[in-house]
Amino acid sequence: MRTLVLFFAISLLNQLNAQKRHYEGPEVRDAQFADTLTQLSQYFSQHLRYPEAAAMRHIEGVVVVTFTVNADGTIGQAKVRHGLGHGCDEEALRLVKAMPPWQPATLNGKLVACGKTVRIEFRAGKKSLIRSL
């Protein structure tokens, strides 16, 4: 009886192993600005002009911008998703649209467009910080 149960268990395991499918997903590489997120932060810090209207009113906070990195690395369809007003939204859009080309995303070795989001922090008297989401 024990032999029969063992035989049945081994037979069942063999069937399950035979039914397993080995699936490897698509090869995906996300779009990148230069080599590191630090370089993106440096780009924004060097080019950001704090809006006068925001500075006069002591406006601080975060502007969230979404955009598309096209298959050729250019930036398109930039939109403010969360803004501060007082010129900060316009400045964030200007910076995103003026970025140099990115390294585009790839899918199975083919260049493809990719959506990205960045958070641009406006802090009076301090360097603005950038975070990619």
N, C-alpha and C. Protein backbone atom coordinates (compact mmCIF):
# COMPACT_ATOMS: atom_id res chain seq x y z
N MET A 1 0.82 -1.19 0.00
CA MET A 1 0.00 0.00 0.00
C MET A 1 0.87 1.25 0.00
N ARG A 2 1.94 1.20 0.82
CA ARG A 2 2.84 2.34 0.89
C ARG A 2 3.51 2.58 -0.46
N THR A 3 3.88 1.53 -1.11
CA THR A 3 4.51 1.63 -2.41
C THR A 3 3.55 2.25 -3.42
N LEU A 4 2.31 1.90 -3.36
CA LEU A 4 1.29 2.43 -4.27
C LEU A 4 1.11 3.93 -4.05
N VAL A 5 1.07 4.37 -2.81
CA VAL A 5 0.91 5.80 -2.49
C VAL A 5 2.13 6.56 -2.97
N LEU A 6 3.33 6.02 -2.72
CA LEU A 6 4.56 6.67 -3.16
C LEU A 6 4.59 6.77 -4.68
N PHE A 7 4.21 5.71 -5.36
CA PHE A 7 4.17 5.70 -6.82
C PHE A 7 3.20 6.77 -7.33
N PHE A 8 2.04 6.87 -6.68
CA PHE A 8 1.03 7.85 -7.08
C PHE A 8 1.55 9.28 -6.88
N ALA A 9 2.23 9.52 -5.76
CA ALA A 9 2.77 10.85 -5.47
C ALA A 9 3.84 11.24 -6.48
N ILE A 10 4.72 10.32 -6.81
CA ILE A 10 5.77 10.60 -7.80
C ILE A 10 5.16 10.85 -9.17
N SER A 11 4.17 10.08 -9.52
CA SER A 11 3.49 10.25 -10.80
C SER A 11 2.82 11.62 -10.88
N LEU A 12 2.18 12.04 -9.81
CA LEU A 12 1.50 13.33 -9.77
C LEU A 12 2.50 14.47 -9.89
N LEU A 13 3.63 14.38 -9.18
CA LEU A 13 4.66 15.41 -9.27
C LEU A 13 5.23 15.51 -10.68
N ASN A 14 5.45 14.38 -11.32
CA ASN A 14 5.95 14.39 -12.70
C ASN A 14 4.96 15.08 -13.63
N GLN A 15 3.68 14.85 -13.44
CA GLN A 15 2.67 15.49 -14.28
C GLN A 15 2.65 17.00 -14.05
N LEU A 16 2.76 17.41 -12.79
CA LEU A 16 2.76 18.84 -12.48
C LEU A 16 3.98 19.53 -13.06
N ASN A 17 5.13 18.91 -12.96
CA ASN A 17 6.35 19.48 -13.54
C ASN A 17 6.26 19.57 -15.05
N ALA A 18 5.65 18.61 -15.68
CA ALA A 18 5.49 18.62 -17.13
C ALA A 18 4.55 19.73 -17.57
N GLN A 19 3.60 20.10 -16.71
CA GLN A 19 2.64 21.14 -17.06
C GLN A 19 3.16 22.55 -16.80
N LYS A 20 4.20 22.66 -16.00
CA LYS A 20 4.75 23.99 -15.73
C LYS A 20 5.28 24.59 -17.02
N ARG A 21 4.93 25.84 -17.20
CA ARG A 21 5.45 26.55 -18.37
C ARG A 21 6.47 27.56 -17.89
N HIS A 22 7.57 27.58 -18.56
CA HIS A 22 8.60 28.54 -18.21
C HIS A 22 8.30 29.82 -18.97
N TYR A 23 7.94 30.88 -18.24
CA TYR A 23 7.59 32.14 -18.88
C TYR A 23 8.61 33.19 -18.50
N GLU A 24 9.19 33.77 -19.48
CA GLU A 24 10.07 34.90 -19.26
C GLU A 24 9.36 36.10 -19.83
N GLY A 25 9.16 37.11 -19.02
CA GLY A 25 8.46 38.32 -19.45
C GLY A 25 9.28 39.11 -20.46
N PRO A 26 8.69 40.17 -20.94
CA PRO A 26 9.40 41.00 -21.92
C PRO A 26 10.59 41.70 -21.27
N GLU A 27 11.59 41.95 -22.05
CA GLU A 27 12.76 42.67 -21.58
C GLU A 27 12.44 44.16 -21.65
N VAL A 28 12.42 44.80 -20.48
CA VAL A 28 12.02 46.21 -20.40
C VAL A 28 13.13 47.01 -19.74
N ARG A 29 13.45 48.17 -20.33
CA ARG A 29 14.38 49.12 -19.72
C ARG A 29 13.68 50.46 -19.72
N ASP A 30 13.57 51.09 -18.55
CA ASP A 30 12.87 52.35 -18.40
C ASP A 30 13.69 53.50 -18.99
N ALA A 31 13.01 54.57 -19.37
CA ALA A 31 13.69 55.76 -19.86
C ALA A 31 14.52 56.37 -18.73
N GLN A 32 15.67 56.96 -19.09
CA GLN A 32 16.56 57.54 -18.08
C GLN A 32 17.07 58.89 -18.53
N PHE A 33 17.23 59.78 -17.56
CA PHE A 33 17.89 61.06 -17.81
C PHE A 33 19.35 60.84 -17.50
N ALA A 34 20.20 60.93 -18.50
CA ALA A 34 21.63 60.69 -18.35
C ALA A 34 21.84 59.35 -17.64
N ASP A 35 22.67 59.33 -16.61
CA ASP A 35 22.97 58.06 -15.95
C ASP A 35 22.33 57.90 -14.58
N THR A 36 22.02 59.02 -13.92
CA THR A 36 21.50 58.91 -12.56
C THR A 36 20.43 59.94 -12.27
N LEU A 37 19.64 59.68 -11.25
CA LEU A 37 18.64 60.63 -10.78
C LEU A 37 19.32 61.88 -10.24
N THR A 38 20.53 61.75 -9.72
CA THR A 38 21.28 62.89 -9.20
C THR A 38 21.53 63.90 -10.31
N GLN A 39 21.82 63.43 -11.52
CA GLN A 39 22.05 64.34 -12.63
C GLN A 39 20.78 65.09 -13.01
N LEU A 40 19.62 64.46 -12.90
CA LEU A 40 18.36 65.14 -13.15
C LEU A 40 18.15 66.22 -12.10
N SER A 41 18.42 65.92 -10.86
CA SER A 41 18.29 66.90 -9.78
C SER A 41 19.24 68.08 -10.01
N GLN A 42 20.46 67.80 -10.43
CA GLN A 42 21.42 68.87 -10.72
C GLN A 42 20.95 69.74 -11.87
N TYR A 43 20.39 69.13 -12.91
CA TYR A 43 19.88 69.90 -14.05
C TYR A 43 18.83 70.90 -13.58
N PHE A 44 17.85 70.43 -12.80
CA PHE A 44 16.80 71.32 -12.33
C PHE A 44 17.34 72.38 -11.39
N SER A 45 18.23 72.02 -10.49
CA SER A 45 18.80 72.99 -9.55
C SER A 45 19.55 74.10 -10.28
N GLN A 46 20.26 73.76 -11.33
CA GLN A 46 21.04 74.75 -12.08
C GLN A 46 20.16 75.66 -12.94
N HIS A 47 19.02 75.17 -13.41
CA HIS A 47 18.21 75.92 -14.37
C HIS A 47 16.93 76.51 -13.79
N LEU A 48 16.58 76.16 -12.57
CA LEU A 48 15.34 76.65 -11.97
C LEU A 48 15.46 78.13 -11.62
N ARG A 49 14.44 78.91 -12.01
CA ARG A 49 14.34 80.32 -11.64
C ARG A 49 13.10 80.46 -10.75
N TYR A 50 13.32 80.75 -9.50
CA TYR A 50 12.21 80.86 -8.55
C TYR A 50 11.33 82.03 -8.99
N PRO A 51 10.05 81.80 -9.21
CA PRO A 51 9.16 82.87 -9.69
C PRO A 51 9.06 84.01 -8.67
N GLU A 52 9.12 85.23 -9.18
CA GLU A 52 9.07 86.41 -8.31
C GLU A 52 7.76 86.46 -7.51
N ALA A 53 6.65 86.14 -8.17
CA ALA A 53 5.35 86.17 -7.48
C ALA A 53 5.33 85.18 -6.32
N ALA A 54 5.92 84.02 -6.51
CA ALA A 54 5.97 83.01 -5.44
C ALA A 54 6.90 83.45 -4.32
N ALA A 55 8.02 84.05 -4.68
CA ALA A 55 8.98 84.51 -3.67
C ALA A 55 8.37 85.62 -2.82
N MET A 56 7.64 86.56 -3.44
CA MET A 56 7.02 87.66 -2.70
C MET A 56 5.97 87.15 -1.72
N ARG A 57 5.30 86.07 -2.06
CA ARG A 57 4.24 85.53 -1.21
C ARG A 57 4.72 84.36 -0.34
N HIS A 58 6.01 84.08 -0.40
CA HIS A 58 6.62 82.99 0.38
C HIS A 58 5.94 81.65 0.07
N ILE A 59 5.67 81.40 -1.19
CA ILE A 59 5.03 80.16 -1.63
C ILE A 59 6.10 79.08 -1.72
N GLU A 60 5.85 77.96 -1.06
CA GLU A 60 6.74 76.81 -1.11
C GLU A 60 5.90 75.55 -1.28
N GLY A 61 6.47 74.56 -1.87
CA GLY A 61 5.77 73.30 -2.02
C GLY A 61 6.27 72.52 -3.21
N VAL A 62 5.42 71.62 -3.70
CA VAL A 62 5.80 70.69 -4.75
C VAL A 62 4.89 70.86 -5.96
N VAL A 63 5.51 70.86 -7.13
CA VAL A 63 4.78 70.80 -8.39
C VAL A 63 5.06 69.42 -8.99
N VAL A 64 4.01 68.69 -9.32
CA VAL A 64 4.15 67.37 -9.93
C VAL A 64 3.85 67.50 -11.43
N VAL A 65 4.80 67.09 -12.24
CA VAL A 65 4.67 67.18 -13.70
C VAL A 65 4.79 65.78 -14.30
N THR A 66 3.85 65.43 -15.18
CA THR A 66 3.96 64.19 -15.94
C THR A 66 4.29 64.55 -17.38
N PHE A 67 5.01 63.65 -18.04
CA PHE A 67 5.39 63.90 -19.42
C PHE A 67 5.71 62.57 -20.09
N THR A 68 5.87 62.63 -21.39
CA THR A 68 6.22 61.44 -22.17
C THR A 68 7.64 61.58 -22.68
N VAL A 69 8.43 60.53 -22.51
CA VAL A 69 9.74 60.44 -23.16
C VAL A 69 9.47 59.66 -24.44
N ASN A 70 9.53 60.36 -25.58
CA ASN A 70 9.26 59.72 -26.87
C ASN A 70 10.34 58.72 -27.23
N ALA A 71 10.08 57.92 -28.24
CA ALA A 71 11.01 56.87 -28.65
C ALA A 71 12.36 57.43 -29.11
N ASP A 72 12.38 58.72 -29.49
CA ASP A 72 13.66 59.33 -29.89
C ASP A 72 14.32 60.07 -28.73
N GLY A 73 13.74 59.99 -27.53
CA GLY A 73 14.33 60.61 -26.35
C GLY A 73 13.84 62.02 -26.06
N THR A 74 13.08 62.61 -26.97
CA THR A 74 12.57 63.96 -26.76
C THR A 74 11.40 63.94 -25.77
N ILE A 75 11.11 65.11 -25.22
CA ILE A 75 10.05 65.25 -24.22
C ILE A 75 8.78 65.75 -24.92
N GLY A 76 7.66 65.15 -24.56
CA GLY A 76 6.38 65.56 -25.12
C GLY A 76 5.28 65.47 -24.09
N GLN A 77 4.17 66.10 -24.37
CA GLN A 77 2.95 66.03 -23.58
C GLN A 77 3.17 66.31 -22.09
N ALA A 78 3.90 67.35 -21.77
CA ALA A 78 4.13 67.71 -20.37
C ALA A 78 2.89 68.38 -19.80
N LYS A 79 2.49 67.94 -18.61
CA LYS A 79 1.31 68.50 -17.94
C LYS A 79 1.56 68.59 -16.44
N VAL A 80 1.03 69.65 -15.83
CA VAL A 80 1.10 69.78 -14.38
C VAL A 80 -0.04 68.96 -13.80
N ARG A 81 0.29 68.04 -12.91
CA ARG A 81 -0.72 67.20 -12.25
C ARG A 81 -1.09 67.76 -10.89
N HIS A 82 -0.14 68.41 -10.25
CA HIS A 82 -0.39 69.05 -8.95
C HIS A 82 0.46 70.32 -8.92
N GLY A 83 -0.18 71.47 -8.80
CA GLY A 83 0.55 72.72 -8.90
C GLY A 83 0.47 73.57 -7.65
N LEU A 84 1.24 74.67 -7.70
CA LEU A 84 1.28 75.64 -6.61
C LEU A 84 0.75 77.00 -7.02
N GLY A 85 0.72 77.26 -8.32
CA GLY A 85 0.34 78.59 -8.79
C GLY A 85 1.46 79.58 -8.61
N HIS A 86 1.16 80.87 -8.77
CA HIS A 86 2.10 81.98 -8.57
C HIS A 86 3.36 81.82 -9.42
N GLY A 87 3.22 81.22 -10.59
CA GLY A 87 4.35 81.07 -11.51
C GLY A 87 5.14 79.79 -11.35
N CYS A 88 4.93 79.06 -10.28
CA CYS A 88 5.69 77.81 -10.06
C CYS A 88 5.33 76.75 -11.08
N ASP A 89 4.05 76.63 -11.43
CA ASP A 89 3.61 75.63 -12.41
C ASP A 89 4.25 75.90 -13.77
N GLU A 90 4.24 77.16 -14.17
CA GLU A 90 4.81 77.53 -15.47
C GLU A 90 6.32 77.28 -15.49
N GLU A 91 7.00 77.57 -14.38
CA GLU A 91 8.44 77.34 -14.30
C GLU A 91 8.75 75.85 -14.36
N ALA A 92 7.97 75.04 -13.67
CA ALA A 92 8.18 73.59 -13.71
C ALA A 92 7.98 73.06 -15.13
N LEU A 93 6.94 73.51 -15.81
CA LEU A 93 6.72 73.09 -17.20
C LEU A 93 7.85 73.54 -18.11
N ARG A 94 8.33 74.78 -17.93
CA ARG A 94 9.44 75.28 -18.74
C ARG A 94 10.66 74.40 -18.58
N LEU A 95 10.98 74.05 -17.33
CA LEU A 95 12.15 73.21 -17.07
C LEU A 95 12.01 71.83 -17.71
N VAL A 96 10.84 71.22 -17.58
CA VAL A 96 10.64 69.88 -18.14
C VAL A 96 10.74 69.92 -19.66
N LYS A 97 10.10 70.90 -20.28
CA LYS A 97 10.12 71.00 -21.75
C LYS A 97 11.50 71.32 -22.29
N ALA A 98 12.34 71.98 -21.49
CA ALA A 98 13.68 72.37 -21.93
C ALA A 98 14.74 71.31 -21.63
N MET A 99 14.34 70.18 -21.02
CA MET A 99 15.33 69.15 -20.69
C MET A 99 16.00 68.62 -21.95
N PRO A 100 17.28 68.28 -21.84
CA PRO A 100 17.93 67.61 -22.97
C PRO A 100 17.31 66.24 -23.19
N PRO A 101 17.53 65.64 -24.36
CA PRO A 101 16.94 64.32 -24.63
C PRO A 101 17.34 63.28 -23.60
N TRP A 102 16.41 62.39 -23.33
CA TRP A 102 16.61 61.27 -22.41
C TRP A 102 17.06 60.06 -23.20
N GLN A 103 17.52 59.05 -22.49
CA GLN A 103 17.74 57.74 -23.09
C GLN A 103 16.36 57.07 -23.09
N PRO A 104 15.80 56.79 -24.26
CA PRO A 104 14.42 56.28 -24.31
C PRO A 104 14.30 54.87 -23.72
N ALA A 105 13.07 54.53 -23.40
CA ALA A 105 12.77 53.19 -22.88
C ALA A 105 12.87 52.18 -24.02
N THR A 106 13.09 50.93 -23.65
CA THR A 106 13.10 49.86 -24.65
C THR A 106 12.19 48.73 -24.19
N LEU A 107 11.61 48.06 -25.14
CA LEU A 107 10.80 46.89 -24.89
C LEU A 107 11.26 45.83 -25.89
N ASN A 108 11.87 44.78 -25.37
CA ASN A 108 12.45 43.72 -26.20
C ASN A 108 13.41 44.29 -27.25
N GLY A 109 14.21 45.26 -26.83
CA GLY A 109 15.22 45.84 -27.71
C GLY A 109 14.72 46.92 -28.65
N LYS A 110 13.43 47.20 -28.65
CA LYS A 110 12.85 48.21 -29.53
C LYS A 110 12.59 49.48 -28.72
N LEU A 111 12.95 50.66 -29.28
CA LEU A 111 12.72 51.93 -28.61
C LEU A 111 11.23 52.22 -28.56
N VAL A 112 10.74 52.62 -27.38
CA VAL A 112 9.32 52.91 -27.20
C VAL A 112 9.15 54.18 -26.36
N ALA A 113 7.98 54.81 -26.49
CA ALA A 113 7.64 55.96 -25.66
C ALA A 113 7.32 55.48 -24.24
N CYS A 114 7.52 56.37 -23.27
CA CYS A 114 7.34 55.99 -21.88
C CYS A 114 6.87 57.21 -21.08
N GLY A 115 5.91 57.02 -20.20
CA GLY A 115 5.44 58.09 -19.34
C GLY A 115 6.32 58.22 -18.10
N LYS A 116 6.57 59.45 -17.68
CA LYS A 116 7.38 59.71 -16.49
C LYS A 116 6.70 60.79 -15.66
N THR A 117 7.04 60.83 -14.38
CA THR A 117 6.54 61.84 -13.46
C THR A 117 7.69 62.35 -12.62
N VAL A 118 7.77 63.67 -12.45
CA VAL A 118 8.77 64.25 -11.56
C VAL A 118 8.08 65.19 -10.57
N ARG A 119 8.66 65.26 -9.39
CA ARG A 119 8.20 66.20 -8.35
C ARG A 119 9.29 67.26 -8.23
N ILE A 120 8.90 68.51 -8.42
CA ILE A 120 9.85 69.62 -8.31
C ILE A 120 9.48 70.42 -7.07
N GLU A 121 10.39 70.46 -6.12
CA GLU A 121 10.12 71.15 -4.86
C GLU A 121 10.63 72.58 -4.94
N PHE A 122 9.76 73.51 -4.64
CA PHE A 122 10.11 74.92 -4.59
C PHE A 122 10.26 75.30 -3.12
N ARG A 123 11.49 75.68 -2.74
CA ARG A 123 11.79 76.08 -1.37
C ARG A 123 12.53 77.42 -1.43
N ALA A 124 11.97 78.44 -0.83
CA ALA A 124 12.60 79.76 -0.83
C ALA A 124 13.92 79.69 -0.07
N GLY A 125 14.96 80.24 -0.67
CA GLY A 125 16.26 80.31 0.00
C GLY A 125 17.04 79.02 0.01
N LYS A 126 16.49 77.95 -0.56
CA LYS A 126 17.18 76.66 -0.59
C LYS A 126 17.19 76.16 -2.02
N LYS A 127 18.10 75.27 -2.30
CA LYS A 127 18.11 74.61 -3.60
C LYS A 127 16.85 73.77 -3.72
N SER A 128 16.21 73.84 -4.88
CA SER A 128 15.03 73.02 -5.11
C SER A 128 15.44 71.58 -5.35
N LEU A 129 14.65 70.68 -4.87
CA LEU A 129 14.93 69.25 -5.01
C LEU A 129 14.02 68.64 -6.06
N ILE A 130 14.53 67.63 -6.72
CA ILE A 130 13.78 66.94 -7.74
C ILE A 130 13.71 65.48 -7.37
N ARG A 131 12.54 64.89 -7.54
CA ARG A 131 12.40 63.46 -7.34
C ARG A 131 11.63 62.88 -8.50
N SER A 132 12.08 61.78 -8.99
CA SER A 132 11.35 61.08 -10.04
C SER A 132 10.45 60.06 -9.37
N LEU A 133 9.23 59.96 -9.85
CA LEU A 133 8.29 59.01 -9.28
C LEU A 133 8.20 57.78 -10.14
